[in-house]
Every structure is written in C-alpha cells, then in structure tokens.
Amino acid sequence: MPRYEYRCRPCGSIFELNRPMSESSAPAVCPEGHKDTVKLLSTVAVGGSATAPAPSGGPGGGGGCCGGGCCG
C-alpha cells in the first residue's frame, strides 16, 4: 500500500499515512486532530545497484557513440 506524506498547516507537523491510491486525494487529519492538511510531493528512493551490459564488439553490437557509429 502506498505511503503518502502530509503537512499540517496549523501546527506544521509532517506525518505519513498508508492508504490506497484511490484515497490519495482524500482529506487527512494530522495526529493532533487538525483537518487543514496538504499532501506533499514525495520522492521515491530505490535501493540496489545496476550495471550496463558490456558491449559485444561484433557487427551490430552497438557501443561507442551515436548508437555504435563514430561521430568523429
């Protein structure tokens, strides 16, 4: 279930709620009970690592610049 971040306008607290995407725009009440809240734009952090495949070096193998050709 997605996690959404909100900020309370009266008290300034920032809090998170787990809720279905269908309820992402529904009003949220802060932990202090205030109803004047705004949903914040959150960034997504993804862990792990990835590596690019090694060029094959043969005909049609790509690599280099400009999709395999040399831009001289």
Protein backbone atom coordinates (compact mmCIF):
# COMPACT_ATOMS: atom_id res chain seq x y z
CA MET A 1 0.00 0.00 0.00
CA PRO A 2 1.43 3.42 -0.92
CA ARG A 3 2.61 5.82 1.77
CA TYR A 4 1.69 9.49 1.43
CA GLU A 5 3.26 12.42 3.28
CA TYR A 6 1.19 15.33 4.57
CA ARG A 7 1.87 18.64 6.33
CA CYS A 8 -0.50 20.19 8.84
CA ARG A 9 -0.98 23.91 8.21
CA PRO A 10 -1.99 24.91 11.79
CA CYS A 11 0.76 23.06 13.71
CA GLY A 12 3.36 22.47 10.96
CA SER A 13 3.80 18.77 11.71
CA ILE A 14 4.67 16.41 8.87
CA PHE A 15 3.17 12.94 9.01
CA GLU A 16 2.70 9.89 6.79
CA LEU A 17 -0.32 7.74 6.06
CA ASN A 18 -0.56 4.37 4.35
CA ARG A 19 -3.67 4.39 2.20
CA PRO A 20 -4.91 3.02 -1.12
CA MET A 21 -4.20 5.07 -4.23
CA SER A 22 -7.94 5.59 -4.62
CA GLU A 23 -7.86 7.57 -1.35
CA SER A 24 -4.68 9.57 -2.06
CA SER A 25 -6.60 12.83 -2.51
CA ALA A 26 -8.97 12.28 0.40
CA PRO A 27 -8.65 14.71 3.34
CA ALA A 28 -6.17 13.69 6.03
CA VAL A 29 -6.30 14.59 9.72
CA CYS A 30 -2.98 15.23 11.48
CA PRO A 31 -2.05 13.35 14.69
CA GLU A 32 -3.02 16.48 16.68
CA GLY A 33 -6.53 16.40 15.17
CA HIS A 34 -6.24 19.32 12.73
CA LYS A 35 -8.07 18.91 9.43
CA ASP A 36 -6.27 21.64 7.45
CA THR A 37 -3.57 19.50 5.84
CA VAL A 38 -1.86 19.38 2.47
CA LYS A 39 -0.40 16.36 0.66
CA LEU A 40 3.32 16.78 -0.05
CA LEU A 41 5.12 15.73 -3.19
CA SER A 42 7.44 12.91 -2.18
CA THR A 43 10.43 11.49 -3.96
CA VAL A 44 10.96 7.78 -4.37
CA ALA A 45 14.20 6.19 -3.24
CA VAL A 46 15.11 2.87 -4.79
CA GLY A 47 17.95 0.82 -3.39
CA GLY A 48 20.19 -1.61 -5.19
CA SER A 49 22.65 -1.32 -7.98
CA ALA A 50 22.62 -1.88 -11.69
CA THR A 51 25.32 -2.20 -14.27
CA ALA A 52 25.17 -1.66 -18.00
CA PRO A 53 25.79 -4.72 -20.16
CA ALA A 54 29.24 -4.92 -21.74
CA PRO A 55 29.34 -4.15 -25.47
CA SER A 56 29.60 -7.27 -27.63
CA GLY A 57 32.16 -5.78 -30.00
CA GLY A 58 30.84 -7.71 -33.00
CA PRO A 59 28.94 -6.39 -36.01
CA GLY A 60 25.77 -4.61 -34.96
CA GLY A 61 26.94 -4.80 -31.39
CA GLY A 62 26.49 -1.10 -30.68
CA GLY A 63 28.74 0.64 -28.21
CA GLY A 64 30.78 3.74 -28.87
CA CYS A 65 28.95 6.97 -29.52
CA CYS A 66 25.83 7.71 -31.61
CA GLY A 67 24.42 4.19 -31.31
CA GLY A 68 27.52 2.38 -32.47
CA GLY A 69 28.94 4.72 -35.08
CA CYS A 70 31.73 7.19 -34.54
CA CYS A 71 30.75 10.84 -34.56
CA GLY A 72 34.23 11.96 -35.50
